[in-house]
Amino acid sequence: MPVNYAELSQTLTSLTEGETDAVALMATVACEVHHSDDRFDWTGFYRVTAPELLKIGPYQGGHGCLVIPFARGVCGAAARSGKVQLVPDVEAFDGHIACASSTRSELVLPVFDGNDKLLGVFDLDSDQPDAFTQTDADALQEILQQIFKHVK
């Protein structure tokens, strides 16, 4: 059964009301989104911790890469471009970093604070090929904008 994004958004809004700490918000979002759909095998954040550098943040699932430069992989492409990366086949993505050999498809969304500063990226990996849709990307992007707009 696909994610009920209206329900997920309502739950996350309720759980995060009044919170402005980015890491606390990331932990809550990662947990709720991860458990909302069986397609989501790894769900988490990579935070901007230095110029052109992402480090692993709160996540659910197996181990992830600890550090990802903006110049590499799907997460790096999302951070570098500020645009959502919807990748139906990671093997076909030039420069893909295989943090988990089981990953077949990926959806990565840039995450901005209330001042439009890049906080990091939200990464969803699936062991199924072509697991993510534009609907997933649009709904999650809207949720992230709502949740992180109070972070300054």
Protein backbone atom coordinates (compact mmCIF):
# COMPACT_ATOMS: atom_id res chain seq x y z
CA MET A 1 0.00 0.00 0.00
CA PRO A 2 1.47 3.37 -0.98
CA VAL A 3 2.25 6.02 1.60
CA ASN A 4 -0.65 8.17 2.74
CA TYR A 5 1.29 11.43 2.47
CA ALA A 6 -1.52 13.55 3.94
CA GLU A 7 -1.50 11.38 7.06
CA LEU A 8 2.32 11.31 7.18
CA SER A 9 2.47 15.10 6.88
CA GLN A 10 -0.11 15.53 9.66
CA THR A 11 1.78 13.12 11.94
CA LEU A 12 5.12 14.83 11.33
CA THR A 13 3.65 18.30 11.80
CA SER A 14 2.18 17.19 15.12
CA LEU A 15 5.40 15.51 16.30
CA THR A 16 7.67 18.41 15.34
CA GLU A 17 5.49 21.40 16.30
CA GLY A 18 7.62 24.16 17.82
CA GLU A 19 10.93 22.32 17.28
CA THR A 20 13.70 24.30 15.59
CA ASP A 21 16.69 22.00 16.11
CA ALA A 22 17.64 20.55 12.73
CA VAL A 23 19.05 17.26 14.05
CA ALA A 24 16.00 16.57 16.23
CA LEU A 25 13.77 17.24 13.22
CA MET A 26 15.91 15.01 10.99
CA ALA A 27 15.73 12.13 13.48
CA THR A 28 11.95 12.35 13.69
CA VAL A 29 11.45 12.66 9.92
CA ALA A 30 13.82 9.75 9.18
CA CYS A 31 11.99 7.48 11.63
CA GLU A 32 8.46 8.32 10.53
CA VAL A 33 9.17 8.20 6.79
CA HIS A 34 11.19 4.98 7.05
CA HIS A 35 8.36 3.13 8.74
CA SER A 36 5.67 4.51 6.42
CA ASP A 37 6.45 2.25 3.43
CA ASP A 38 8.18 -1.10 2.79
CA ARG A 39 9.94 0.37 -0.26
CA PHE A 40 12.14 2.47 2.01
CA ASP A 41 15.11 0.27 2.92
CA TRP A 42 17.43 3.11 4.03
CA THR A 43 16.05 6.48 5.01
CA GLY A 44 18.14 9.31 6.35
CA PHE A 45 19.95 12.58 6.16
CA TYR A 46 23.38 13.68 5.10
CA ARG A 47 24.19 17.05 6.69
CA VAL A 48 26.36 19.82 5.27
CA THR A 49 29.22 19.97 7.79
CA ALA A 50 31.89 21.78 5.77
CA PRO A 51 32.07 23.44 2.34
CA GLU A 52 31.15 20.87 -0.33
CA LEU A 53 30.93 18.05 2.25
CA LEU A 54 28.08 15.92 3.57
CA LYS A 55 28.27 13.74 6.70
CA ILE A 56 25.79 11.12 7.76
CA GLY A 57 23.05 12.31 10.06
CA PRO A 58 20.05 10.67 11.64
CA TYR A 59 18.91 7.64 9.65
CA GLN A 60 17.04 4.33 9.76
CA GLY A 61 18.31 1.14 8.13
CA GLY A 62 21.73 -0.44 7.71
CA HIS A 63 25.04 1.39 7.73
CA GLY A 64 25.46 4.31 5.35
CA CYS A 65 28.50 6.09 3.98
CA LEU A 66 29.95 8.38 6.65
CA VAL A 67 31.15 11.15 4.33
CA ILE A 68 30.01 12.15 0.83
CA PRO A 69 31.61 15.02 -1.08
CA PHE A 70 29.26 17.21 -3.14
CA ALA A 71 31.21 16.04 -6.20
CA ARG A 72 30.17 12.37 -5.85
CA GLY A 73 27.07 10.24 -5.99
CA VAL A 74 23.35 10.92 -6.02
CA CYS A 75 23.49 12.73 -2.65
CA GLY A 76 26.30 14.93 -3.89
CA ALA A 77 24.33 15.75 -7.04
CA ALA A 78 21.30 16.82 -4.97
CA ALA A 79 23.47 18.98 -2.70
CA ARG A 80 25.45 20.47 -5.59
CA SER A 81 22.42 21.29 -7.77
CA GLY A 82 19.81 21.96 -5.07
CA LYS A 83 17.48 19.75 -7.10
CA VAL A 84 15.66 16.49 -6.35
CA GLN A 85 17.37 13.39 -7.75
CA LEU A 86 14.94 10.62 -8.74
CA VAL A 87 17.05 7.64 -9.81
CA PRO A 88 15.17 4.52 -10.99
CA ASP A 89 18.41 2.52 -11.51
CA VAL A 90 21.46 3.44 -9.46
CA GLU A 91 23.70 1.38 -11.74
CA ALA A 92 22.87 3.79 -14.57
CA PHE A 93 23.74 6.89 -12.50
CA ASP A 94 27.23 8.09 -13.39
CA GLY A 95 29.33 8.27 -10.22
CA HIS A 96 26.88 6.41 -7.97
CA ILE A 97 28.38 5.54 -4.59
CA ALA A 98 27.31 2.09 -3.42
CA CYS A 99 26.98 2.56 0.34
CA ALA A 100 24.89 -0.63 0.32
CA SER A 101 25.30 -3.17 -2.45
CA SER A 102 21.59 -4.07 -2.23
CA THR A 103 20.38 -0.59 -3.28
CA ARG A 104 18.68 -0.53 -6.69
CA SER A 105 16.92 2.87 -6.76
CA GLU A 106 17.23 6.13 -4.90
CA LEU A 107 15.39 9.38 -4.20
CA VAL A 108 17.40 12.29 -2.77
CA LEU A 109 15.88 15.65 -1.84
CA PRO A 110 17.82 18.78 -0.86
CA VAL A 111 16.79 20.18 2.54
CA PHE A 112 16.79 23.93 3.13
CA ASP A 113 16.26 25.94 6.30
CA GLY A 114 13.93 28.93 6.61
CA ASN A 115 16.58 31.19 5.05
CA ASP A 116 17.01 28.91 1.99
CA LYS A 117 20.40 27.71 3.23
CA LEU A 118 21.19 24.08 2.37
CA LEU A 119 21.13 21.98 5.57
CA GLY A 120 21.76 18.71 3.78
CA VAL A 121 19.92 16.07 1.79
CA PHE A 122 17.23 13.51 2.62
CA ASP A 123 18.15 10.17 1.06
CA LEU A 124 15.79 7.25 0.48
CA ASP A 125 17.23 4.00 -0.87
CA SER A 126 15.27 0.98 -2.03
CA ASP A 127 16.36 -2.57 -2.77
CA GLN A 128 13.68 -2.57 -5.50
CA PRO A 129 14.39 -1.11 -8.95
CA ASP A 130 12.34 1.95 -9.96
CA ALA A 131 10.77 2.13 -6.48
CA PHE A 132 10.14 5.88 -6.34
CA THR A 133 7.73 8.10 -8.25
CA GLN A 134 7.39 11.80 -8.92
CA THR A 135 4.48 11.70 -6.45
CA ASP A 136 6.90 10.53 -3.73
CA ALA A 137 9.34 13.30 -4.64
CA ASP A 138 6.70 16.04 -4.67
CA ALA A 139 5.02 14.95 -1.43
CA LEU A 140 8.28 14.52 0.47
CA GLN A 141 9.61 17.84 -0.82
CA GLU A 142 6.49 19.57 0.50
CA ILE A 143 6.81 17.83 3.89
CA LEU A 144 10.49 18.79 4.19
CA GLN A 145 9.74 22.43 3.36
CA GLN A 146 7.04 22.53 6.05
CA ILE A 147 9.17 20.84 8.72
CA PHE A 148 12.44 22.73 8.18
CA LYS A 149 11.09 26.24 7.47
CA HIS A 150 11.42 27.19 11.16
CA VAL A 151 15.10 26.22 11.34
CA LYS A 152 17.29 29.32 11.02
